[in-house]
Amino acid sequence: MSPFDLHRPHAGPRLDRLSHRQDECLRLAADGLTSAEIGAQLGLSPRTIDEHLLGACKALGVRTRIQAVALLALAERPSPEARSFLP
């Protein structure tokens, strides 16, 4: 199953597969921070941040941090409103 498969119940990325540090780094990357900026904020080296983001990508089944950030955004979007076409 693709992480982008939206036609199945409970589809979407499995963010619960991420470690606390992977989740933290991914959320900071989603805020637009570079690895160096994330590292400075967390007291880690940029290389360590890259390793955490690589682990997040593997856990989510994607190849790039941009794809991982997109999955995070997808998972956190509001649920669609129930719509009725009845008058």
N, C-alpha and C. Protein backbone atom coordinates (compact mmCIF):
# COMPACT_ATOMS: atom_id res chain seq x y z
N MET A 1 0.84 -1.18 0.00
CA MET A 1 0.00 0.00 0.00
C MET A 1 0.88 1.23 0.00
N SER A 2 0.58 2.15 -0.86
CA SER A 2 1.31 3.40 -0.94
C SER A 2 0.89 4.32 0.20
N PRO A 3 1.81 5.13 0.75
CA PRO A 3 1.41 6.07 1.79
C PRO A 3 0.43 7.12 1.26
N PHE A 4 0.33 7.23 -0.08
CA PHE A 4 -0.55 8.21 -0.68
C PHE A 4 -1.90 7.62 -1.07
N ASP A 5 -2.14 6.35 -0.78
CA ASP A 5 -3.38 5.69 -1.16
C ASP A 5 -4.51 6.23 -0.29
N LEU A 6 -5.34 7.07 -0.88
CA LEU A 6 -6.40 7.73 -0.13
C LEU A 6 -7.74 7.02 -0.25
N HIS A 7 -7.80 5.89 -0.97
CA HIS A 7 -9.06 5.22 -1.21
C HIS A 7 -9.35 4.13 -0.19
N ARG A 8 -8.46 3.93 0.73
CA ARG A 8 -8.66 2.87 1.72
C ARG A 8 -8.98 3.52 3.06
N PRO A 9 -9.75 2.84 3.89
CA PRO A 9 -10.04 3.39 5.21
C PRO A 9 -8.76 3.58 6.02
N HIS A 10 -8.71 4.63 6.77
CA HIS A 10 -7.56 4.96 7.62
C HIS A 10 -6.28 5.07 6.80
N ALA A 11 -6.41 5.50 5.56
CA ALA A 11 -5.24 5.64 4.70
C ALA A 11 -4.44 6.87 5.13
N GLY A 12 -3.27 6.94 4.63
CA GLY A 12 -2.41 8.07 4.93
C GLY A 12 -1.16 7.60 5.64
N PRO A 13 -0.29 8.53 5.92
CA PRO A 13 0.98 8.16 6.53
C PRO A 13 0.81 7.67 7.96
N ARG A 14 1.69 6.80 8.35
CA ARG A 14 1.68 6.26 9.70
C ARG A 14 2.73 6.99 10.53
N LEU A 15 2.37 8.16 11.03
CA LEU A 15 3.31 8.96 11.79
C LEU A 15 3.70 8.29 13.10
N ASP A 16 2.90 7.32 13.54
CA ASP A 16 3.24 6.63 14.79
C ASP A 16 4.45 5.71 14.62
N ARG A 17 4.90 5.54 13.39
CA ARG A 17 6.11 4.74 13.13
C ARG A 17 7.38 5.54 13.43
N LEU A 18 7.26 6.84 13.60
CA LEU A 18 8.42 7.69 13.81
C LEU A 18 8.84 7.71 15.27
N SER A 19 10.15 7.79 15.48
CA SER A 19 10.63 8.00 16.85
C SER A 19 10.33 9.45 17.24
N HIS A 20 10.45 9.73 18.52
CA HIS A 20 10.21 11.10 18.99
C HIS A 20 11.13 12.08 18.27
N ARG A 21 12.40 11.73 18.14
CA ARG A 21 13.37 12.64 17.52
C ARG A 21 13.09 12.80 16.02
N GLN A 22 12.72 11.72 15.35
CA GLN A 22 12.39 11.81 13.93
C GLN A 22 11.19 12.73 13.72
N ASP A 23 10.19 12.57 14.56
CA ASP A 23 9.00 13.41 14.48
C ASP A 23 9.36 14.87 14.73
N GLU A 24 10.16 15.11 15.73
CA GLU A 24 10.58 16.47 16.07
C GLU A 24 11.34 17.12 14.92
N CYS A 25 12.28 16.39 14.34
CA CYS A 25 13.07 16.92 13.22
C CYS A 25 12.18 17.16 11.99
N LEU A 26 11.27 16.24 11.73
CA LEU A 26 10.39 16.38 10.58
C LEU A 26 9.48 17.60 10.72
N ARG A 27 8.96 17.83 11.92
CA ARG A 27 8.10 19.00 12.14
C ARG A 27 8.87 20.30 11.99
N LEU A 28 10.11 20.32 12.43
CA LEU A 28 10.93 21.52 12.25
C LEU A 28 11.28 21.72 10.78
N ALA A 29 11.52 20.63 10.06
CA ALA A 29 11.76 20.73 8.62
C ALA A 29 10.52 21.25 7.92
N ALA A 30 9.35 20.84 8.39
CA ALA A 30 8.09 21.32 7.82
C ALA A 30 7.91 22.81 8.05
N ASP A 31 8.54 23.32 9.10
CA ASP A 31 8.50 24.76 9.36
C ASP A 31 9.49 25.53 8.49
N GLY A 32 10.23 24.80 7.66
CA GLY A 32 11.15 25.44 6.73
C GLY A 32 12.58 25.55 7.21
N LEU A 33 12.91 24.93 8.34
CA LEU A 33 14.27 25.00 8.86
C LEU A 33 15.19 24.05 8.11
N THR A 34 16.42 24.46 7.93
CA THR A 34 17.44 23.61 7.33
C THR A 34 17.97 22.65 8.40
N SER A 35 18.74 21.67 7.97
CA SER A 35 19.33 20.74 8.93
C SER A 35 20.22 21.47 9.93
N ALA A 36 20.96 22.47 9.46
CA ALA A 36 21.83 23.24 10.35
C ALA A 36 21.00 24.01 11.38
N GLU A 37 19.89 24.59 10.94
CA GLU A 37 19.03 25.34 11.86
C GLU A 37 18.35 24.42 12.87
N ILE A 38 17.91 23.25 12.41
CA ILE A 38 17.30 22.28 13.31
C ILE A 38 18.34 21.81 14.33
N GLY A 39 19.54 21.53 13.84
CA GLY A 39 20.61 21.08 14.72
C GLY A 39 20.96 22.11 15.78
N ALA A 40 21.01 23.38 15.38
CA ALA A 40 21.31 24.44 16.34
C ALA A 40 20.22 24.53 17.41
N GLN A 41 18.99 24.35 17.00
CA GLN A 41 17.87 24.42 17.93
C GLN A 41 17.85 23.24 18.90
N LEU A 42 18.24 22.06 18.41
CA LEU A 42 18.18 20.85 19.24
C LEU A 42 19.52 20.49 19.87
N GLY A 43 20.57 21.21 19.53
CA GLY A 43 21.89 20.91 20.08
C GLY A 43 22.52 19.68 19.46
N LEU A 44 22.22 19.43 18.17
CA LEU A 44 22.76 18.29 17.44
C LEU A 44 23.45 18.78 16.17
N SER A 45 24.28 17.92 15.59
CA SER A 45 24.95 18.30 14.35
C SER A 45 23.98 18.18 13.17
N PRO A 46 24.22 18.95 12.12
CA PRO A 46 23.38 18.83 10.92
C PRO A 46 23.38 17.40 10.36
N ARG A 47 24.50 16.71 10.46
CA ARG A 47 24.58 15.32 9.98
C ARG A 47 23.65 14.41 10.78
N THR A 48 23.59 14.62 12.08
CA THR A 48 22.68 13.83 12.92
C THR A 48 21.22 14.12 12.55
N ILE A 49 20.93 15.37 12.28
CA ILE A 49 19.58 15.75 11.84
C ILE A 49 19.25 15.04 10.54
N ASP A 50 20.19 15.04 9.60
CA ASP A 50 19.98 14.34 8.33
C ASP A 50 19.70 12.86 8.55
N GLU A 51 20.38 12.25 9.51
CA GLU A 51 20.15 10.83 9.81
C GLU A 51 18.75 10.61 10.37
N HIS A 52 18.31 11.51 11.24
CA HIS A 52 16.95 11.40 11.78
C HIS A 52 15.91 11.56 10.68
N LEU A 53 16.14 12.51 9.78
CA LEU A 53 15.20 12.72 8.68
C LEU A 53 15.22 11.55 7.70
N LEU A 54 16.39 10.96 7.48
CA LEU A 54 16.48 9.78 6.62
C LEU A 54 15.70 8.62 7.24
N GLY A 55 15.83 8.45 8.54
CA GLY A 55 15.07 7.42 9.24
C GLY A 55 13.57 7.66 9.14
N ALA A 56 13.16 8.92 9.22
CA ALA A 56 11.74 9.26 9.08
C ALA A 56 11.26 8.91 7.68
N CYS A 57 12.08 9.21 6.68
CA CYS A 57 11.71 8.88 5.30
C CYS A 57 11.53 7.38 5.13
N LYS A 58 12.45 6.62 5.68
CA LYS A 58 12.34 5.15 5.58
C LYS A 58 11.09 4.65 6.28
N ALA A 59 10.82 5.18 7.46
CA ALA A 59 9.64 4.75 8.22
C ALA A 59 8.34 5.08 7.49
N LEU A 60 8.34 6.18 6.75
CA LEU A 60 7.14 6.61 6.03
C LEU A 60 7.07 6.04 4.61
N GLY A 61 8.15 5.41 4.17
CA GLY A 61 8.17 4.82 2.84
C GLY A 61 8.31 5.81 1.71
N VAL A 62 9.06 6.89 1.97
CA VAL A 62 9.30 7.90 0.93
C VAL A 62 10.81 8.07 0.74
N ARG A 63 11.18 8.80 -0.31
CA ARG A 63 12.60 8.94 -0.64
C ARG A 63 13.21 10.26 -0.21
N THR A 64 12.41 11.32 -0.08
CA THR A 64 12.98 12.64 0.22
C THR A 64 12.30 13.28 1.42
N ARG A 65 12.98 14.24 2.01
CA ARG A 65 12.41 14.95 3.15
C ARG A 65 11.20 15.77 2.72
N ILE A 66 11.20 16.23 1.48
CA ILE A 66 10.05 16.98 0.98
C ILE A 66 8.81 16.08 0.94
N GLN A 67 8.99 14.84 0.48
CA GLN A 67 7.87 13.90 0.48
C GLN A 67 7.41 13.61 1.91
N ALA A 68 8.34 13.49 2.83
CA ALA A 68 8.00 13.22 4.22
C ALA A 68 7.21 14.39 4.82
N VAL A 69 7.64 15.61 4.52
CA VAL A 69 6.93 16.80 5.00
C VAL A 69 5.52 16.84 4.39
N ALA A 70 5.41 16.47 3.11
CA ALA A 70 4.09 16.44 2.47
C ALA A 70 3.17 15.43 3.17
N LEU A 71 3.70 14.28 3.55
CA LEU A 71 2.89 13.30 4.27
C LEU A 71 2.48 13.80 5.64
N LEU A 72 3.36 14.52 6.30
CA LEU A 72 3.02 15.12 7.58
C LEU A 72 1.86 16.09 7.41
N ALA A 73 1.94 16.93 6.39
CA ALA A 73 0.86 17.89 6.12
C ALA A 73 -0.44 17.16 5.80
N LEU A 74 -0.35 16.08 5.03
CA LEU A 74 -1.53 15.29 4.68
C LEU A 74 -2.17 14.68 5.92
N ALA A 75 -1.35 14.18 6.81
CA ALA A 75 -1.86 13.54 8.02
C ALA A 75 -2.51 14.54 8.96
N GLU A 76 -2.06 15.77 8.93
CA GLU A 76 -2.55 16.77 9.88
C GLU A 76 -3.62 17.68 9.31
N ARG A 77 -3.99 17.46 8.06
CA ARG A 77 -5.04 18.31 7.49
C ARG A 77 -6.37 17.98 8.18
N PRO A 78 -7.24 18.97 8.24
CA PRO A 78 -8.54 18.71 8.87
C PRO A 78 -9.34 17.69 8.08
N SER A 79 -10.16 16.95 8.78
CA SER A 79 -11.02 15.98 8.11
C SER A 79 -12.02 16.72 7.26
N PRO A 80 -12.36 16.16 6.11
CA PRO A 80 -13.35 16.82 5.27
C PRO A 80 -14.70 16.88 5.98
N GLU A 81 -15.41 17.97 5.73
CA GLU A 81 -16.73 18.12 6.33
C GLU A 81 -17.70 17.14 5.71
N ALA A 82 -18.61 16.67 6.52
CA ALA A 82 -19.67 15.82 5.98
C ALA A 82 -20.56 16.69 5.10
N ARG A 83 -20.83 16.20 3.92
CA ARG A 83 -21.65 16.97 3.00
C ARG A 83 -22.88 16.17 2.60
N SER A 84 -23.93 16.87 2.47
CA SER A 84 -25.16 16.24 2.02
C SER A 84 -25.68 17.02 0.82
N PHE A 85 -26.13 16.31 -0.16
CA PHE A 85 -26.67 16.96 -1.34
C PHE A 85 -28.19 17.02 -1.29
N LEU A 86 -28.73 16.70 -0.12
CA LEU A 86 -30.18 16.79 0.06
C LEU A 86 -30.58 18.23 0.29
N PRO A 87 -31.77 18.61 -0.20
CA PRO A 87 -32.22 20.02 0.01
C PRO A 87 -32.54 20.31 1.46
